[in-house]
Amino acid sequence: MMTGAKVFLDTNILLRLILTQMNQHTEVDVLVKRTMREGAELWISGQVIREFIVQATHPRTLTEPLTIEQVVREIEVMKPLFQIADETAVVRDTLLELLQQYPTQGKQVHDANIVATMLAYKIDTLLTLNVADLKRFGDKIKIISLA
């Protein structure tokens, strides 16, 4: 049981949860609903919201990308479903510590920032499809995926 647990949703999970036309929507929907039934508190961050906007409006992600108006509506609907972690000085300082502890470069900094946000907000579980890039932080967080 996850009663009282805090669970962070990576952007790839949020996209598939919200956008029914995406590949793996059904599997992600089942995973997230099971997590909610088990009593977990679901978290996202400003970074995840920005990445959601980028992906949902990009023609490489969707054959018919959402308009900004559609994305804003989706975000307004989803906001009450999640706790939203703000990027604070603690998140920034935690990120800088992680970058020194784990070999990280380029786009991997985004993954490290998710972990830093989780640590700053005392969230120990991450739902993601990006296990390969995040497993390096496996001593700090629990990673749950579809596999």
C-alpha atoms as a PDB file:
ATOM      1  CA  MET A   1       0.000   0.000   0.000  1.00  0.00           C
ATOM      2  CA  MET A   2       1.129   3.513  -0.788  1.00  0.00           C
ATOM      3  CA  THR A   3      -1.194   5.283   1.658  1.00  0.00           C
ATOM      4  CA  GLY A   4       0.283   8.674   2.428  1.00  0.00           C
ATOM      5  CA  ALA A   5       3.140   8.204  -0.041  1.00  0.00           C
ATOM      6  CA  LYS A   6       4.185  11.031  -2.336  1.00  0.00           C
ATOM      7  CA  VAL A   7       4.633   9.996  -5.960  1.00  0.00           C
ATOM      8  CA  PHE A   8       6.115  12.232  -8.667  1.00  0.00           C
ATOM      9  CA  LEU A   9       4.952  11.891 -12.286  1.00  0.00           C
ATOM     10  CA  ASP A  10       7.551  12.367 -14.993  1.00  0.00           C
ATOM     11  CA  THR A  11       6.499  14.261 -18.111  1.00  0.00           C
ATOM     12  CA  ASN A  12       6.327  11.085 -20.196  1.00  0.00           C
ATOM     13  CA  ILE A  13       3.754   9.667 -17.757  1.00  0.00           C
ATOM     14  CA  LEU A  14       1.733  12.894 -17.572  1.00  0.00           C
ATOM     15  CA  LEU A  15       1.565  13.167 -21.372  1.00  0.00           C
ATOM     16  CA  ARG A  16       0.230   9.634 -21.748  1.00  0.00           C
ATOM     17  CA  LEU A  17      -2.178  10.045 -18.856  1.00  0.00           C
ATOM     18  CA  ILE A  18      -3.752  13.239 -20.209  1.00  0.00           C
ATOM     19  CA  LEU A  19      -3.527  12.721 -23.975  1.00  0.00           C
ATOM     20  CA  THR A  20      -5.595   9.676 -24.901  1.00  0.00           C
ATOM     21  CA  GLN A  21      -4.191   9.601 -28.437  1.00  0.00           C
ATOM     22  CA  MET A  22      -0.681   8.839 -27.206  1.00  0.00           C
ATOM     23  CA  ASN A  23       0.877   5.395 -27.359  1.00  0.00           C
ATOM     24  CA  GLN A  24       0.701   3.602 -23.970  1.00  0.00           C
ATOM     25  CA  HIS A  25      -2.159   5.810 -22.717  1.00  0.00           C
ATOM     26  CA  THR A  26      -4.158   2.850 -21.410  1.00  0.00           C
ATOM     27  CA  GLU A  27      -1.228   1.273 -19.564  1.00  0.00           C
ATOM     28  CA  VAL A  28      -0.221   4.578 -17.959  1.00  0.00           C
ATOM     29  CA  ASP A  29      -3.841   5.322 -17.026  1.00  0.00           C
ATOM     30  CA  VAL A  30      -4.071   1.951 -15.229  1.00  0.00           C
ATOM     31  CA  LEU A  31      -0.763   2.561 -13.407  1.00  0.00           C
ATOM     32  CA  VAL A  32      -1.687   6.063 -12.223  1.00  0.00           C
ATOM     33  CA  LYS A  33      -5.218   5.097 -11.173  1.00  0.00           C
ATOM     34  CA  ARG A  34      -3.836   2.138  -9.193  1.00  0.00           C
ATOM     35  CA  THR A  35      -1.352   4.485  -7.509  1.00  0.00           C
ATOM     36  CA  MET A  36      -4.188   6.854  -6.600  1.00  0.00           C
ATOM     37  CA  ARG A  37      -6.389   4.016  -5.283  1.00  0.00           C
ATOM     38  CA  GLU A  38      -3.510   2.972  -3.049  1.00  0.00           C
ATOM     39  CA  GLY A  39      -3.719   6.396  -1.421  1.00  0.00           C
ATOM     40  CA  ALA A  40      -0.662   8.085  -2.895  1.00  0.00           C
ATOM     41  CA  GLU A  41      -0.442  11.847  -3.293  1.00  0.00           C
ATOM     42  CA  LEU A  42       0.479  12.730  -6.896  1.00  0.00           C
ATOM     43  CA  TRP A  43       3.052  15.450  -7.596  1.00  0.00           C
ATOM     44  CA  ILE A  44       4.318  17.301 -10.663  1.00  0.00           C
ATOM     45  CA  SER A  45       6.459  20.432 -11.007  1.00  0.00           C
ATOM     46  CA  GLY A  46       6.750  23.579 -13.080  1.00  0.00           C
ATOM     47  CA  GLN A  47       9.376  21.794 -15.155  1.00  0.00           C
ATOM     48  CA  VAL A  48       6.964  18.939 -15.917  1.00  0.00           C
ATOM     49  CA  ILE A  49       4.237  21.414 -16.880  1.00  0.00           C
ATOM     50  CA  ARG A  50       6.632  23.242 -19.245  1.00  0.00           C
ATOM     51  CA  GLU A  51       7.808  19.966 -20.780  1.00  0.00           C
ATOM     52  CA  PHE A  52       4.157  18.900 -21.185  1.00  0.00           C
ATOM     53  CA  ILE A  53       3.474  22.108 -23.130  1.00  0.00           C
ATOM     54  CA  VAL A  54       6.526  21.565 -25.346  1.00  0.00           C
ATOM     55  CA  GLN A  55       5.632  17.972 -26.161  1.00  0.00           C
ATOM     56  CA  ALA A  56       1.872  18.450 -26.565  1.00  0.00           C
ATOM     57  CA  THR A  57       2.406  21.248 -29.098  1.00  0.00           C
ATOM     58  CA  HIS A  58       5.194  19.514 -31.032  1.00  0.00           C
ATOM     59  CA  PRO A  59       4.484  17.775 -34.375  1.00  0.00           C
ATOM     60  CA  ARG A  60       7.017  15.028 -33.584  1.00  0.00           C
ATOM     61  CA  THR A  61       4.985  14.051 -30.522  1.00  0.00           C
ATOM     62  CA  LEU A  62       1.474  14.262 -31.949  1.00  0.00           C
ATOM     63  CA  THR A  63       0.343  14.067 -35.574  1.00  0.00           C
ATOM     64  CA  GLU A  64      -2.119  16.822 -34.667  1.00  0.00           C
ATOM     65  CA  PRO A  65      -0.357  18.896 -31.997  1.00  0.00           C
ATOM     66  CA  LEU A  66      -2.500  20.774 -29.518  1.00  0.00           C
ATOM     67  CA  THR A  67      -2.867  24.503 -29.826  1.00  0.00           C
ATOM     68  CA  ILE A  68      -1.713  26.678 -26.943  1.00  0.00           C
ATOM     69  CA  GLU A  69      -5.377  27.275 -26.070  1.00  0.00           C
ATOM     70  CA  GLN A  70      -5.991  23.507 -25.871  1.00  0.00           C
ATOM     71  CA  VAL A  71      -2.864  22.964 -23.776  1.00  0.00           C
ATOM     72  CA  VAL A  72      -3.848  25.724 -21.353  1.00  0.00           C
ATOM     73  CA  ARG A  73      -7.287  24.112 -20.965  1.00  0.00           C
ATOM     74  CA  GLU A  74      -5.680  20.716 -20.285  1.00  0.00           C
ATOM     75  CA  ILE A  75      -3.391  22.236 -17.658  1.00  0.00           C
ATOM     76  CA  GLU A  76      -6.290  24.021 -15.950  1.00  0.00           C
ATOM     77  CA  VAL A  77      -8.159  20.703 -15.760  1.00  0.00           C
ATOM     78  CA  MET A  78      -5.144  18.790 -14.421  1.00  0.00           C
ATOM     79  CA  LYS A  79      -3.957  21.341 -11.828  1.00  0.00           C
ATOM     80  CA  PRO A  80      -6.432  20.282  -9.117  1.00  0.00           C
ATOM     81  CA  LEU A  81      -5.401  16.622  -9.524  1.00  0.00           C
ATOM     82  CA  PHE A  82      -1.778  17.160  -8.480  1.00  0.00           C
ATOM     83  CA  GLN A  83       0.348  18.845  -5.903  1.00  0.00           C
ATOM     84  CA  ILE A  84       2.710  21.171  -7.774  1.00  0.00           C
ATOM     85  CA  ALA A  85       6.274  21.513  -6.552  1.00  0.00           C
ATOM     86  CA  ASP A  86       7.709  24.961  -7.120  1.00  0.00           C
ATOM     87  CA  GLU A  87      11.367  25.395  -7.993  1.00  0.00           C
ATOM     88  CA  THR A  88      12.829  26.918  -4.883  1.00  0.00           C
ATOM     89  CA  ALA A  89      16.317  27.737  -3.645  1.00  0.00           C
ATOM     90  CA  VAL A  90      16.326  24.344  -1.920  1.00  0.00           C
ATOM     91  CA  VAL A  91      15.583  22.628  -5.248  1.00  0.00           C
ATOM     92  CA  ARG A  92      18.389  24.585  -6.928  1.00  0.00           C
ATOM     93  CA  ASP A  93      20.896  23.798  -4.178  1.00  0.00           C
ATOM     94  CA  THR A  94      19.891  20.123  -4.212  1.00  0.00           C
ATOM     95  CA  LEU A  95      20.354  20.059  -7.990  1.00  0.00           C
ATOM     96  CA  LEU A  96      23.867  21.482  -7.658  1.00  0.00           C
ATOM     97  CA  GLU A  97      24.705  18.809  -5.076  1.00  0.00           C
ATOM     98  CA  LEU A  98      23.351  16.039  -7.330  1.00  0.00           C
ATOM     99  CA  LEU A  99      25.315  17.314 -10.322  1.00  0.00           C
ATOM    100  CA  GLN A 100      28.504  16.952  -8.283  1.00  0.00           C
ATOM    101  CA  GLN A 101      27.602  13.457  -7.045  1.00  0.00           C
ATOM    102  CA  TYR A 102      26.396  11.902 -10.315  1.00  0.00           C
ATOM    103  CA  PRO A 103      27.929  12.167 -13.800  1.00  0.00           C
ATOM    104  CA  THR A 104      25.432  14.414 -15.591  1.00  0.00           C
ATOM    105  CA  GLN A 105      25.572  16.542 -18.717  1.00  0.00           C
ATOM    106  CA  GLY A 106      23.382  18.101 -21.370  1.00  0.00           C
ATOM    107  CA  LYS A 107      19.709  17.141 -21.310  1.00  0.00           C
ATOM    108  CA  GLN A 108      20.368  14.811 -18.377  1.00  0.00           C
ATOM    109  CA  VAL A 109      20.311  17.936 -16.191  1.00  0.00           C
ATOM    110  CA  HIS A 110      16.513  17.939 -16.623  1.00  0.00           C
ATOM    111  CA  ASP A 111      16.357  14.458 -15.086  1.00  0.00           C
ATOM    112  CA  ALA A 112      18.616  15.545 -12.235  1.00  0.00           C
ATOM    113  CA  ASN A 113      16.344  18.535 -11.626  1.00  0.00           C
ATOM    114  CA  ILE A 114      13.336  16.229 -11.283  1.00  0.00           C
ATOM    115  CA  VAL A 115      15.227  14.200  -8.694  1.00  0.00           C
ATOM    116  CA  ALA A 116      16.344  17.395  -6.928  1.00  0.00           C
ATOM    117  CA  THR A 117      12.719  18.566  -6.796  1.00  0.00           C
ATOM    118  CA  MET A 118      11.648  15.214  -5.396  1.00  0.00           C
ATOM    119  CA  LEU A 119      14.320  15.276  -2.713  1.00  0.00           C
ATOM    120  CA  ALA A 120      13.540  18.875  -1.740  1.00  0.00           C
ATOM    121  CA  TYR A 121       9.841  17.976  -1.324  1.00  0.00           C
ATOM    122  CA  LYS A 122      10.565  14.605   0.338  1.00  0.00           C
ATOM    123  CA  ILE A 123       9.025  12.624  -2.522  1.00  0.00           C
ATOM    124  CA  ASP A 124      10.628   9.210  -2.765  1.00  0.00           C
ATOM    125  CA  THR A 125       8.832   7.553  -5.696  1.00  0.00           C
ATOM    126  CA  LEU A 126       8.938   8.437  -9.400  1.00  0.00           C
ATOM    127  CA  LEU A 127       6.614   7.142 -12.114  1.00  0.00           C
ATOM    128  CA  THR A 128       8.530   7.310 -15.399  1.00  0.00           C
ATOM    129  CA  LEU A 129       9.082   5.593 -18.716  1.00  0.00           C
ATOM    130  CA  ASN A 130      12.663   6.897 -18.710  1.00  0.00           C
ATOM    131  CA  VAL A 131      14.197   4.293 -16.405  1.00  0.00           C
ATOM    132  CA  ALA A 132      17.545   4.135 -18.225  1.00  0.00           C
ATOM    133  CA  ASP A 133      18.437   7.792 -17.626  1.00  0.00           C
ATOM    134  CA  LEU A 134      17.106   7.934 -14.075  1.00  0.00           C
ATOM    135  CA  LYS A 135      18.392   4.651 -12.661  1.00  0.00           C
ATOM    136  CA  ARG A 136      21.663   6.359 -11.668  1.00  0.00           C
ATOM    137  CA  PHE A 137      19.619   8.035  -8.910  1.00  0.00           C
ATOM    138  CA  GLY A 138      18.261   4.679  -7.703  1.00  0.00           C
ATOM    139  CA  ASP A 139      19.951   5.068  -4.330  1.00  0.00           C
ATOM    140  CA  LYS A 140      17.972   8.297  -3.749  1.00  0.00           C
ATOM    141  CA  ILE A 141      14.539   7.471  -5.222  1.00  0.00           C
ATOM    142  CA  LYS A 142      12.316   4.502  -6.047  1.00  0.00           C
ATOM    143  CA  ILE A 143      11.517   4.226  -9.752  1.00  0.00           C
ATOM    144  CA  ILE A 144       8.263   2.680 -10.986  1.00  0.00           C
ATOM    145  CA  SER A 145       7.600   2.087 -14.686  1.00  0.00           C
ATOM    146  CA  LEU A 146       5.309  -0.003 -16.835  1.00  0.00           C
ATOM    147  CA  ALA A 147       7.811  -2.838 -17.206  1.00  0.00           C
END
